Each structure stands twice: as structure tokens, then as C-alpha cells.
Amino acid sequence: MSFTVVIPARYASTRLPGKPLLDLDGWPMIRHVHARACESGASRVIVATDEERIADTCGDFGAEVVMTDSDHASGTDRLEEVARRCGLAAEERVVNVQGDEPLIPPALINQVAQSLQRFPDSAIATLCERLHDVESVLNPNIVKVVRDREGYALYFSRAPIPWARDQWADGTPASLPPATPYFRHIGIYGYRARVLHDFVSWPPSLLEQVESLEQLRAMENGARIHVDEALEVPPGGVDTEADLERVRAVFQNRKQEK
């Protein structure tokens, strides 16, 4: 199963500047992410960055690095530049693994790549997990997804979808309908390289701007997105200082268990 992993890594994080280079158990964070990607079935793992310090660090542990423009609006634009500069074939599968996911299970990387292989009509593949509490469903920071019978996305939203009209008639949901599944979107994506080239040519769409969800641009332009339920729950990335301490604690616990 041949596919390429691209790891976008930016230095200029507003909440954690220099995040990819922060120490985790003696390694910079980006090295842990790269190691997890190398444990997947990927035939090639590339770090995409616009920062020489990140490139130099990656070079020290032998990672392949592609220097990209610094003015990209999103990680998807950075992925497209890598695909274009590396001359990836139109149907090459490209999995985007964020540079702040040092605990990402390699099985999830493989699962996304396999979805693109199993569902030839899909332009993009991603993952979801079941939600079990109404608070998460109502939380606008948790992106929800609804799917058709084959697992293709019907819509992504920050709103609680589907809306349980009868049970939530008074507008104050207290619990989830027992027979209705709710799913949180997990932000790992696989693309066919040709779709990346199409994506950057499309202007930001209305729904994308309203919801602040980039994947809606693809859907508004007719790209089908397959959404598998994740084989295991991802442990979460590093966005804040509290996340950093949580991940450091995971590494410490692992050392103590050995």
C-alpha cells in the first residue's frame, strides 16, 4: 500500500511559539510525529516547513524536508505545494499528519490511506468518533459530521447535527436521543494528489467561511469525502501549554511502566 505522509510544521504558533521544536522526553515534538508516521505503512514521509530551524532539526535526525512558502493560508495549501514540487502522481495518496500530534496512532494514518483505496469515488478521506454526551454535541469547538449509508460525509458543522426535533422541542437539549448516533470529526485527512491541486484553485466557499471549516469548500465543489469511524481514539494534539504538560505526562508514565 503505497502512500505519502506530509507533516506540515510551522514555527509561528500564537499560543506555543516554536511548537514543533519543544522538548518531549528528550526529543523535539516534530521528531515524535515523524517517528509515528514512519511506523505507518507510508512509503515516504516528508516534513513541510517554512522555518530553517525546523528544517535543520529534521535534517539532524534524517527526515526528508521540503521548504515551502511562508504565506500559505492553510495546511492544505502547504500540502499542495509539496505534492506539486515533488511531482506526485495524480492518484498518489497523500495523508496530512499535523506536526503537533506526537501521540498519533500509526493505525489511524493507515486507516485514512486505506479508505481512499477502498472507496475509489472518494476524493478525500478522514475519520470520526462516536459522541456520547450532549455537552460535546452542543460544543461549537467540536466539529460534528453526518454520513450516508456508505460513510460519505453529508455535512460537517459546529452545530449539533442531526437536530432531534421532537426530543429537543423546547430548545434546551438535556440528553441525546438513544437511537441516534452523533459523531465528532477527527482532523486527519487523506487526499488524492490531483484533488489538492483542484482545492487550491477553488476560492473559499460561503459555507466554509460561515462555519470556518475548510472541508466544506471541497464538498461545495463536488468532492466526496469518506469518513470512517476511527479504529482507536486519538489522544489529542498539542495546542496549549496544558496540552503540552498532558503529553509530557503520557511519556513519563510510559517510561515508568517499562
Foldseek 3Di string as FASTA:
>chain_A
DEAEEEEEDEQDFPFDHHQQQDDFPRGRLLVLLQVQQVPAPYPAYEYEYQDVVVVVSCVVVPHHYDYDDPPDPDPLLSVLVVCVVVVPDQQHKYKYDYSQQSQFHSVQSNVQVVVCVVDVLAQKEFEKAWDFWVVLLQALVFKWFDADPQQKTPDIASHRPPDPCPCCVVVDDDGDDPVDIIITTDPIMMGRSNVSVVLVVQDQDPVCVVRVPSVVSCVVVPHIYGYYYDPDDRPDGDNHPVRVVVSSVVVVVVVVVD
